[in-house]
Amino acid sequence: MKEMNCLQYCINGMSDRLFSFAKTKEGKALLAAFKKLIVIRENQIKELLIAYNSYFMVAAAMQLKGMPQHPRAMIEFMASEEFSALHAELVKTVEDNYPLLMSCLDRKQKRKLDSLFE
Protein backbone atom coordinates (compact mmCIF):
# COMPACT_ATOMS: atom_id res chain seq x y z
CA MET A 1 0.00 0.00 0.00
CA LYS A 2 1.36 3.40 -0.99
CA GLU A 3 1.48 6.04 1.74
CA MET A 4 -0.22 9.31 0.87
CA ASN A 5 -0.40 12.67 2.59
CA CYS A 6 -3.62 14.63 3.01
CA LEU A 7 -2.94 17.00 0.11
CA GLN A 8 -2.27 14.11 -2.29
CA TYR A 9 -5.47 12.46 -1.07
CA CYS A 10 -7.48 15.62 -1.74
CA ILE A 11 -5.88 16.15 -5.16
CA ASN A 12 -6.75 12.58 -6.15
CA GLY A 13 -10.38 13.30 -5.26
CA MET A 14 -10.60 16.33 -7.56
CA SER A 15 -12.29 14.52 -10.42
CA ASP A 16 -15.70 13.43 -11.65
CA ARG A 17 -15.94 11.25 -8.51
CA LEU A 18 -16.76 14.47 -6.66
CA PHE A 19 -19.87 14.86 -8.82
CA SER A 20 -20.79 11.20 -8.38
CA PHE A 21 -20.69 11.79 -4.61
CA ALA A 22 -22.86 14.90 -5.00
CA LYS A 23 -25.54 12.72 -6.65
CA THR A 24 -25.71 10.27 -3.73
CA LYS A 25 -28.28 10.54 -0.96
CA GLU A 26 -25.59 11.77 1.45
CA GLY A 27 -24.17 14.22 -1.08
CA LYS A 28 -27.58 15.70 -1.89
CA ALA A 29 -28.31 16.19 1.82
CA LEU A 30 -24.99 17.97 2.34
CA LEU A 31 -25.50 20.20 -0.69
CA ALA A 32 -28.94 21.21 0.55
CA ALA A 33 -27.54 22.04 3.99
CA PHE A 34 -24.61 24.02 2.60
CA LYS A 35 -26.92 26.01 0.33
CA LYS A 36 -29.07 27.01 3.31
CA LEU A 37 -26.34 27.58 5.89
CA ILE A 38 -23.50 29.12 3.87
CA VAL A 39 -23.98 32.11 1.60
CA ILE A 40 -20.48 32.52 0.11
CA ARG A 41 -19.96 30.19 -2.87
CA GLU A 42 -16.26 29.58 -2.19
CA ASN A 43 -17.08 28.51 1.37
CA GLN A 44 -19.86 26.22 0.13
CA ILE A 45 -17.38 24.52 -2.20
CA LYS A 46 -14.75 24.22 0.53
CA GLU A 47 -17.27 22.57 2.85
CA LEU A 48 -18.28 20.16 0.09
CA LEU A 49 -14.63 19.24 -0.51
CA ILE A 50 -14.11 18.68 3.22
CA ALA A 51 -17.27 16.57 3.54
CA TYR A 52 -16.49 14.58 0.38
CA ASN A 53 -12.96 13.75 1.49
CA SER A 54 -14.05 13.10 5.09
CA TYR A 55 -16.69 10.63 3.94
CA PHE A 56 -14.17 8.42 2.18
CA MET A 57 -11.38 9.01 4.71
CA VAL A 58 -13.63 7.79 7.54
CA ALA A 59 -14.57 4.66 5.58
CA ALA A 60 -10.91 3.93 4.80
CA ALA A 61 -9.75 4.53 8.38
CA MET A 62 -12.50 2.29 9.75
CA GLN A 63 -11.57 -0.43 7.29
CA LEU A 64 -7.89 -0.20 8.25
CA LYS A 65 -8.85 -0.49 11.93
CA GLY A 66 -11.06 -3.49 11.19
CA MET A 67 -14.19 -1.72 12.40
CA PRO A 68 -17.60 -2.80 11.09
CA GLN A 69 -19.15 -0.55 8.44
CA HIS A 70 -22.43 0.34 10.11
CA PRO A 71 -23.83 3.69 11.33
CA ARG A 72 -23.18 3.12 15.03
CA ALA A 73 -19.51 2.26 14.45
CA MET A 74 -19.18 5.29 12.20
CA ILE A 75 -20.63 7.57 14.89
CA GLU A 76 -18.26 6.07 17.46
CA PHE A 77 -15.28 6.61 15.16
CA MET A 78 -16.33 10.17 14.38
CA ALA A 79 -16.45 10.90 18.13
CA SER A 80 -12.84 9.73 18.54
CA GLU A 81 -9.73 11.86 18.92
CA GLU A 82 -8.31 10.07 15.88
CA PHE A 83 -11.13 11.38 13.70
CA SER A 84 -10.78 14.87 15.19
CA ALA A 85 -7.10 14.90 14.20
CA LEU A 86 -7.87 13.61 10.69
CA HIS A 87 -10.66 16.13 10.25
CA ALA A 88 -8.53 19.04 11.48
CA GLU A 89 -5.78 18.11 9.02
CA LEU A 90 -8.30 17.81 6.20
CA VAL A 91 -9.85 21.22 6.95
CA LYS A 92 -6.41 22.83 7.09
CA THR A 93 -5.38 21.16 3.84
CA VAL A 94 -8.49 22.33 1.97
CA GLU A 95 -8.27 25.86 3.41
CA ASP A 96 -4.54 26.23 2.71
CA ASN A 97 -4.61 24.65 -0.75
CA TYR A 98 -7.99 25.66 -2.17
CA PRO A 99 -6.56 27.37 -5.30
CA LEU A 100 -4.36 24.35 -6.02
CA LEU A 101 -7.27 21.94 -5.57
CA MET A 102 -9.49 24.00 -7.86
CA SER A 103 -6.74 24.06 -10.49
CA CYS A 104 -7.09 20.27 -10.73
CA LEU A 105 -10.54 20.73 -12.29
CA ASP A 106 -11.02 21.75 -15.90
CA ARG A 107 -13.31 24.64 -16.87
CA LYS A 108 -16.29 22.38 -17.46
CA GLN A 109 -15.89 20.69 -14.06
CA LYS A 110 -15.58 24.08 -12.32
CA ARG A 111 -18.83 25.25 -13.92
CA LYS A 112 -20.49 21.99 -12.94
CA LEU A 113 -19.26 22.40 -9.35
CA ASP A 114 -20.53 25.97 -9.25
CA SER A 115 -23.91 24.88 -10.62
CA LEU A 116 -24.37 22.40 -7.75
CA PHE A 117 -25.04 25.40 -5.50
CA GLU A 118 -27.49 27.29 -7.72
C-alpha atoms as a PDB file:
ATOM      1  CA  MET A   1       0.000   0.000   0.000  1.00  0.00           C
ATOM      2  CA  LYS A   2       1.359   3.404  -0.986  1.00  0.00           C
ATOM      3  CA  GLU A   3       1.483   6.044   1.742  1.00  0.00           C
ATOM      4  CA  MET A   4      -0.219   9.305   0.866  1.00  0.00           C
ATOM      5  CA  ASN A   5      -0.397  12.673   2.590  1.00  0.00           C
ATOM      6  CA  CYS A   6      -3.618  14.626   3.008  1.00  0.00           C
ATOM      7  CA  LEU A   7      -2.941  16.999   0.107  1.00  0.00           C
ATOM      8  CA  GLN A   8      -2.274  14.113  -2.294  1.00  0.00           C
ATOM      9  CA  TYR A   9      -5.472  12.456  -1.074  1.00  0.00           C
ATOM     10  CA  CYS A  10      -7.481  15.620  -1.745  1.00  0.00           C
ATOM     11  CA  ILE A  11      -5.881  16.153  -5.158  1.00  0.00           C
ATOM     12  CA  ASN A  12      -6.751  12.577  -6.146  1.00  0.00           C
ATOM     13  CA  GLY A  13     -10.379  13.302  -5.265  1.00  0.00           C
ATOM     14  CA  MET A  14     -10.601  16.326  -7.564  1.00  0.00           C
ATOM     15  CA  SER A  15     -12.293  14.518 -10.422  1.00  0.00           C
ATOM     16  CA  ASP A  16     -15.702  13.433 -11.648  1.00  0.00           C
ATOM     17  CA  ARG A  17     -15.936  11.254  -8.510  1.00  0.00           C
ATOM     18  CA  LEU A  18     -16.764  14.471  -6.656  1.00  0.00           C
ATOM     19  CA  PHE A  19     -19.868  14.858  -8.821  1.00  0.00           C
ATOM     20  CA  SER A  20     -20.790  11.204  -8.375  1.00  0.00           C
ATOM     21  CA  PHE A  21     -20.689  11.787  -4.611  1.00  0.00           C
ATOM     22  CA  ALA A  22     -22.860  14.900  -5.005  1.00  0.00           C
ATOM     23  CA  LYS A  23     -25.539  12.724  -6.652  1.00  0.00           C
ATOM     24  CA  THR A  24     -25.705  10.270  -3.734  1.00  0.00           C
ATOM     25  CA  LYS A  25     -28.279  10.535  -0.956  1.00  0.00           C
ATOM     26  CA  GLU A  26     -25.593  11.770   1.449  1.00  0.00           C
ATOM     27  CA  GLY A  27     -24.166  14.223  -1.076  1.00  0.00           C
ATOM     28  CA  LYS A  28     -27.576  15.700  -1.886  1.00  0.00           C
ATOM     29  CA  ALA A  29     -28.307  16.193   1.818  1.00  0.00           C
ATOM     30  CA  LEU A  30     -24.987  17.965   2.340  1.00  0.00           C
ATOM     31  CA  LEU A  31     -25.496  20.196  -0.694  1.00  0.00           C
ATOM     32  CA  ALA A  32     -28.939  21.207   0.548  1.00  0.00           C
ATOM     33  CA  ALA A  33     -27.544  22.037   3.989  1.00  0.00           C
ATOM     34  CA  PHE A  34     -24.606  24.018   2.603  1.00  0.00           C
ATOM     35  CA  LYS A  35     -26.925  26.008   0.325  1.00  0.00           C
ATOM     36  CA  LYS A  36     -29.067  27.013   3.310  1.00  0.00           C
ATOM     37  CA  LEU A  37     -26.344  27.584   5.886  1.00  0.00           C
ATOM     38  CA  ILE A  38     -23.496  29.119   3.870  1.00  0.00           C
ATOM     39  CA  VAL A  39     -23.975  32.114   1.598  1.00  0.00           C
ATOM     40  CA  ILE A  40     -20.480  32.525   0.106  1.00  0.00           C
ATOM     41  CA  ARG A  41     -19.964  30.193  -2.869  1.00  0.00           C
ATOM     42  CA  GLU A  42     -16.263  29.580  -2.185  1.00  0.00           C
ATOM     43  CA  ASN A  43     -17.075  28.508   1.372  1.00  0.00           C
ATOM     44  CA  GLN A  44     -19.861  26.219   0.127  1.00  0.00           C
ATOM     45  CA  ILE A  45     -17.378  24.523  -2.203  1.00  0.00           C
ATOM     46  CA  LYS A  46     -14.746  24.220   0.531  1.00  0.00           C
ATOM     47  CA  GLU A  47     -17.267  22.571   2.851  1.00  0.00           C
ATOM     48  CA  LEU A  48     -18.278  20.159   0.094  1.00  0.00           C
ATOM     49  CA  LEU A  49     -14.626  19.239  -0.505  1.00  0.00           C
ATOM     50  CA  ILE A  50     -14.105  18.683   3.217  1.00  0.00           C
ATOM     51  CA  ALA A  51     -17.269  16.571   3.541  1.00  0.00           C
ATOM     52  CA  TYR A  52     -16.488  14.579   0.381  1.00  0.00           C
ATOM     53  CA  ASN A  53     -12.962  13.745   1.486  1.00  0.00           C
ATOM     54  CA  SER A  54     -14.054  13.098   5.094  1.00  0.00           C
ATOM     55  CA  TYR A  55     -16.689  10.631   3.942  1.00  0.00           C
ATOM     56  CA  PHE A  56     -14.170   8.415   2.178  1.00  0.00           C
ATOM     57  CA  MET A  57     -11.384   9.007   4.705  1.00  0.00           C
ATOM     58  CA  VAL A  58     -13.632   7.785   7.536  1.00  0.00           C
ATOM     59  CA  ALA A  59     -14.575   4.657   5.578  1.00  0.00           C
ATOM     60  CA  ALA A  60     -10.906   3.935   4.798  1.00  0.00           C
ATOM     61  CA  ALA A  61      -9.748   4.533   8.384  1.00  0.00           C
ATOM     62  CA  MET A  62     -12.498   2.292   9.749  1.00  0.00           C
ATOM     63  CA  GLN A  63     -11.567  -0.433   7.288  1.00  0.00           C
ATOM     64  CA  LEU A  64      -7.886  -0.205   8.254  1.00  0.00           C
ATOM     65  CA  LYS A  65      -8.849  -0.485  11.930  1.00  0.00           C
ATOM     66  CA  GLY A  66     -11.064  -3.490  11.189  1.00  0.00           C
ATOM     67  CA  MET A  67     -14.193  -1.720  12.398  1.00  0.00           C
ATOM     68  CA  PRO A  68     -17.598  -2.803  11.094  1.00  0.00           C
ATOM     69  CA  GLN A  69     -19.146  -0.551   8.443  1.00  0.00           C
ATOM     70  CA  HIS A  70     -22.434   0.340  10.113  1.00  0.00           C
ATOM     71  CA  PRO A  71     -23.827   3.689  11.328  1.00  0.00           C
ATOM     72  CA  ARG A  72     -23.179   3.118  15.032  1.00  0.00           C
ATOM     73  CA  ALA A  73     -19.510   2.264  14.448  1.00  0.00           C
ATOM     74  CA  MET A  74     -19.184   5.293  12.195  1.00  0.00           C
ATOM     75  CA  ILE A  75     -20.629   7.572  14.887  1.00  0.00           C
ATOM     76  CA  GLU A  76     -18.263   6.067  17.460  1.00  0.00           C
ATOM     77  CA  PHE A  77     -15.280   6.608  15.160  1.00  0.00           C
ATOM     78  CA  MET A  78     -16.333  10.171  14.379  1.00  0.00           C
ATOM     79  CA  ALA A  79     -16.449  10.899  18.128  1.00  0.00           C
ATOM     80  CA  SER A  80     -12.844   9.729  18.543  1.00  0.00           C
ATOM     81  CA  GLU A  81      -9.727  11.857  18.922  1.00  0.00           C
ATOM     82  CA  GLU A  82      -8.305  10.073  15.882  1.00  0.00           C
ATOM     83  CA  PHE A  83     -11.129  11.383  13.702  1.00  0.00           C
ATOM     84  CA  SER A  84     -10.777  14.866  15.185  1.00  0.00           C
ATOM     85  CA  ALA A  85      -7.104  14.901  14.199  1.00  0.00           C
ATOM     86  CA  LEU A  86      -7.872  13.608  10.685  1.00  0.00           C
ATOM     87  CA  HIS A  87     -10.659  16.133  10.250  1.00  0.00           C
ATOM     88  CA  ALA A  88      -8.530  19.042  11.483  1.00  0.00           C
ATOM     89  CA  GLU A  89      -5.783  18.110   9.024  1.00  0.00           C
ATOM     90  CA  LEU A  90      -8.297  17.809   6.201  1.00  0.00           C
ATOM     91  CA  VAL A  91      -9.854  21.216   6.953  1.00  0.00           C
ATOM     92  CA  LYS A  92      -6.407  22.835   7.094  1.00  0.00           C
ATOM     93  CA  THR A  93      -5.383  21.160   3.838  1.00  0.00           C
ATOM     94  CA  VAL A  94      -8.489  22.331   1.971  1.00  0.00           C
ATOM     95  CA  GLU A  95      -8.275  25.860   3.412  1.00  0.00           C
ATOM     96  CA  ASP A  96      -4.540  26.228   2.710  1.00  0.00           C
ATOM     97  CA  ASN A  97      -4.609  24.651  -0.752  1.00  0.00           C
ATOM     98  CA  TYR A  98      -7.988  25.660  -2.166  1.00  0.00           C
ATOM     99  CA  PRO A  99      -6.560  27.372  -5.303  1.00  0.00           C
ATOM    100  CA  LEU A 100      -4.361  24.347  -6.021  1.00  0.00           C
ATOM    101  CA  LEU A 101      -7.271  21.943  -5.570  1.00  0.00           C
ATOM    102  CA  MET A 102      -9.490  23.997  -7.860  1.00  0.00           C
ATOM    103  CA  SER A 103      -6.737  24.065 -10.494  1.00  0.00           C
ATOM    104  CA  CYS A 104      -7.094  20.273 -10.727  1.00  0.00           C
ATOM    105  CA  LEU A 105     -10.541  20.729 -12.290  1.00  0.00           C
ATOM    106  CA  ASP A 106     -11.022  21.750 -15.903  1.00  0.00           C
ATOM    107  CA  ARG A 107     -13.307  24.643 -16.866  1.00  0.00           C
ATOM    108  CA  LYS A 108     -16.294  22.383 -17.459  1.00  0.00           C
ATOM    109  CA  GLN A 109     -15.890  20.693 -14.064  1.00  0.00           C
ATOM    110  CA  LYS A 110     -15.582  24.083 -12.318  1.00  0.00           C
ATOM    111  CA  ARG A 111     -18.828  25.251 -13.922  1.00  0.00           C
ATOM    112  CA  LYS A 112     -20.486  21.988 -12.939  1.00  0.00           C
ATOM    113  CA  LEU A 113     -19.261  22.398  -9.354  1.00  0.00           C
ATOM    114  CA  ASP A 114     -20.528  25.967  -9.247  1.00  0.00           C
ATOM    115  CA  SER A 115     -23.912  24.881 -10.619  1.00  0.00           C
ATOM    116  CA  LEU A 116     -24.370  22.403  -7.752  1.00  0.00           C
ATOM    117  CA  PHE A 117     -25.041  25.395  -5.499  1.00  0.00           C
ATOM    118  CA  GLU A 118     -27.488  27.286  -7.720  1.00  0.00           C
END
